[in-house]
Structure formats: structure tokens, C-alpha cells
């Protein structure tokens, strides 16, 4: 019986840790400056447009000289009244400084993404914020 319990505990530990991210897999979130963008598409159900947008956005972020970390998301099914799920995509990008974010605004990779995809969206809202000091 003890052997079965020990085996079960070891198996649980192995399975649990095999799905965990390692430090090598994770990028460090830079809390100095966050740039959050919400996109509302003209035709949010058009799958070809979604693929075009995601491909262009991922290429842009891969080639950005300024973006430290990024998160691309879509809205979940809202279960609470305070959740706004009306957008098509969200993007969160972090920077080491406000100056780095300014550089990102004019870099070729960013401008190419805008040119390739600006016809897809009807509305874009941006929230920029500084991280609070600890």
C-alpha cells in the first residue's frame, strides 16, 4: 500500500512539473511600460482576415527591436457584467521605457503591420501605462 501511495505521489509530481514553464521558456515581463491595444474588426467573423491579421502581427512582434514581451488575445465568453468582450483582438506589449515605446511607434516592422492590416479594423483603442514603483 505504501508503495502505491509513493508511486502515485511521484507520478503526480512528475506530471505536474512536466507541464510547468521553465525560466528558459518564459520571457520576463517588463513592468516599466505597458502598451495595451484593443482592435475591433469591420468583419470579425471573416476567418481569412483573422489569419492575415495574426500572421502580420506575429511577424511584426518577432521583428520589433523594442518590444520586450507581448500577449495577443481574443475575448473570452463574458460571465460577468464588468467584462467587455466586444473587441476582436487585444495586444499587450511591454517596454523597458516610454522612450522605447516611442521608438516602436516609428519602427519599420510596426509601420508595415499597420499598412498591411489597417483596412481590417473599424476601431482601435490604446491604453499606455507606467508600472508603479515597489
Protein backbone atom coordinates (compact mmCIF):
# COMPACT_ATOMS: atom_id res chain seq x y z
CA UNK A 1 0.00 0.00 0.00
CA UNK A 2 2.84 2.39 0.89
CA UNK A 3 4.47 1.64 -2.44
CA UNK A 4 1.26 2.51 -4.34
CA UNK A 5 0.91 5.80 -2.48
CA UNK A 6 4.54 6.75 -3.10
CA UNK A 7 4.18 5.82 -6.79
CA UNK A 8 1.02 7.93 -7.05
CA UNK A 9 2.72 10.92 -5.38
CA UNK A 10 5.80 10.67 -7.61
CA UNK A 11 3.66 10.33 -10.74
CA UNK A 12 1.65 13.40 -9.75
CA UNK A 13 4.82 15.42 -9.18
CA UNK A 14 6.32 14.35 -12.50
CA UNK A 15 3.14 15.09 -14.46
CA UNK A 16 2.62 18.44 -12.75
CA UNK A 17 6.17 19.67 -13.27
CA UNK A 18 6.36 18.48 -16.88
CA UNK A 19 3.65 20.97 -17.85
CA UNK A 20 5.12 23.90 -15.93
CA UNK A 21 7.04 26.59 -17.76
CA UNK A 22 10.73 26.80 -17.07
CA UNK A 23 12.59 30.09 -16.73
CA UNK A 24 14.16 29.41 -20.11
CA UNK A 25 10.68 29.22 -21.70
CA UNK A 26 9.40 32.43 -20.12
CA UNK A 27 10.21 35.97 -21.10
CA UNK A 28 10.46 38.38 -18.22
CA UNK A 29 7.55 40.79 -18.10
CA UNK A 30 8.95 44.31 -18.07
CA UNK A 31 6.77 46.35 -15.75
CA UNK A 32 8.31 49.71 -16.71
CA UNK A 33 5.85 50.48 -19.52
CA UNK A 34 2.85 48.58 -20.90
CA UNK A 35 1.12 49.31 -24.20
CA UNK A 36 -2.35 47.72 -24.42
CA UNK A 37 -4.25 47.83 -27.70
CA UNK A 38 -7.80 46.70 -28.48
CA UNK A 39 -8.90 46.11 -32.08
CA UNK A 40 -12.49 45.97 -33.33
CA UNK A 41 -12.71 44.45 -36.82
CA UNK A 42 -15.14 45.59 -39.51
CA UNK A 43 -15.92 41.91 -40.18
CA UNK A 44 -14.88 39.96 -37.07
CA UNK A 45 -16.20 36.63 -38.40
CA UNK A 46 -14.06 36.67 -41.56
CA UNK A 47 -11.52 33.90 -40.92
CA UNK A 48 -9.22 34.90 -43.79
CA UNK A 49 -8.91 38.39 -42.29
CA UNK A 50 -8.16 36.94 -38.88
CA UNK A 51 -5.37 34.76 -40.30
CA UNK A 52 -3.96 37.75 -42.19
CA UNK A 53 -4.02 39.89 -39.03
CA UNK A 54 -2.45 37.24 -36.78
CA UNK A 55 0.28 36.45 -39.32
CA UNK A 56 1.17 40.11 -39.81
CA UNK A 57 1.05 40.86 -36.08
CA UNK A 58 3.25 37.90 -35.14
CA UNK A 59 5.77 38.83 -37.85
CA UNK A 60 5.84 42.41 -36.61
CA UNK A 61 6.37 41.42 -32.97
CA UNK A 62 9.08 38.92 -33.90
CA UNK A 63 10.94 41.67 -35.77
CA UNK A 64 10.39 44.51 -33.29
CA UNK A 65 13.59 45.94 -31.87
CA UNK A 66 11.77 47.49 -28.92
CA UNK A 67 9.00 45.14 -27.68
CA UNK A 68 10.19 43.12 -24.68
CA UNK A 69 7.21 40.84 -24.10
CA UNK A 70 3.84 40.51 -25.79
CA UNK A 71 0.46 38.89 -25.43
CA UNK A 72 -2.08 38.52 -28.25
CA UNK A 73 -5.59 37.66 -27.13
CA UNK A 74 -9.22 37.29 -28.10
CA UNK A 75 -12.16 37.95 -25.81
CA UNK A 76 -13.49 35.13 -23.65
CA UNK A 77 -17.18 34.48 -23.28
CA UNK A 78 -18.06 37.09 -20.66
CA UNK A 79 -19.51 35.66 -17.46
CA UNK A 80 -19.55 38.92 -15.50
CA UNK A 81 -21.14 42.24 -16.34
CA UNK A 82 -17.86 44.14 -15.92
CA UNK A 83 -16.16 42.19 -18.74
CA UNK A 84 -16.14 43.93 -22.13
CA UNK A 85 -15.90 41.23 -24.76
CA UNK A 86 -16.84 43.44 -27.70
CA UNK A 87 -13.32 43.65 -29.19
CA UNK A 88 -11.89 41.26 -31.78
CA UNK A 89 -8.25 41.15 -30.59
CA UNK A 90 -6.18 42.55 -27.77
CA UNK A 91 -2.46 43.13 -27.69
CA UNK A 92 -0.28 43.83 -24.67
CA UNK A 93 3.34 44.79 -25.31
CA UNK A 94 5.85 45.76 -22.63
CA UNK A 95 8.83 48.06 -22.96
CA UNK A 96 11.81 48.98 -20.82
CA UNK A 97 10.84 52.68 -21.04
CA UNK A 98 8.45 55.19 -22.57
CA UNK A 99 11.27 56.14 -24.94
CA UNK A 100 11.50 52.55 -26.19
CA UNK A 101 7.75 52.59 -26.81
CA UNK A 102 8.17 55.78 -28.85
CA UNK A 103 10.82 54.03 -30.96
CA UNK A 104 8.43 51.14 -31.51
CA UNK A 105 5.81 53.52 -32.91
CA UNK A 106 8.05 54.51 -35.82
CA UNK A 107 9.98 51.31 -36.44
CA UNK A 108 9.59 49.69 -39.87
CA UNK A 109 8.09 46.45 -38.50
CA UNK A 110 5.28 48.36 -36.76
CA UNK A 111 4.56 50.60 -39.74
CA UNK A 112 4.43 47.57 -42.07
CA UNK A 113 1.91 45.84 -39.78
CA UNK A 114 -0.32 48.93 -39.75
CA UNK A 115 -0.16 49.25 -43.54
CA UNK A 116 -0.95 45.55 -44.04
CA UNK A 117 -3.89 45.46 -41.63
CA UNK A 118 -5.41 48.92 -41.18
CA UNK A 119 -8.24 48.10 -43.57
CA UNK A 120 -9.41 45.30 -41.23
CA UNK A 121 -10.32 47.36 -38.18
CA UNK A 122 -13.06 49.88 -37.60
CA UNK A 123 -11.84 50.98 -34.18
CA UNK A 124 -8.63 50.82 -32.16
CA UNK A 125 -8.20 51.94 -28.55
CA UNK A 126 -4.81 52.17 -26.85
CA UNK A 127 -4.05 52.28 -23.14
CA UNK A 128 -0.45 53.07 -22.16
CA UNK A 129 0.69 52.86 -18.58
CA UNK A 130 3.78 53.13 -16.41
CA UNK A 131 4.39 50.45 -13.83
CA UNK A 132 4.19 51.64 -10.23
CA UNK A 133 7.39 51.53 -8.24
CA UNK A 134 7.62 48.95 -5.49
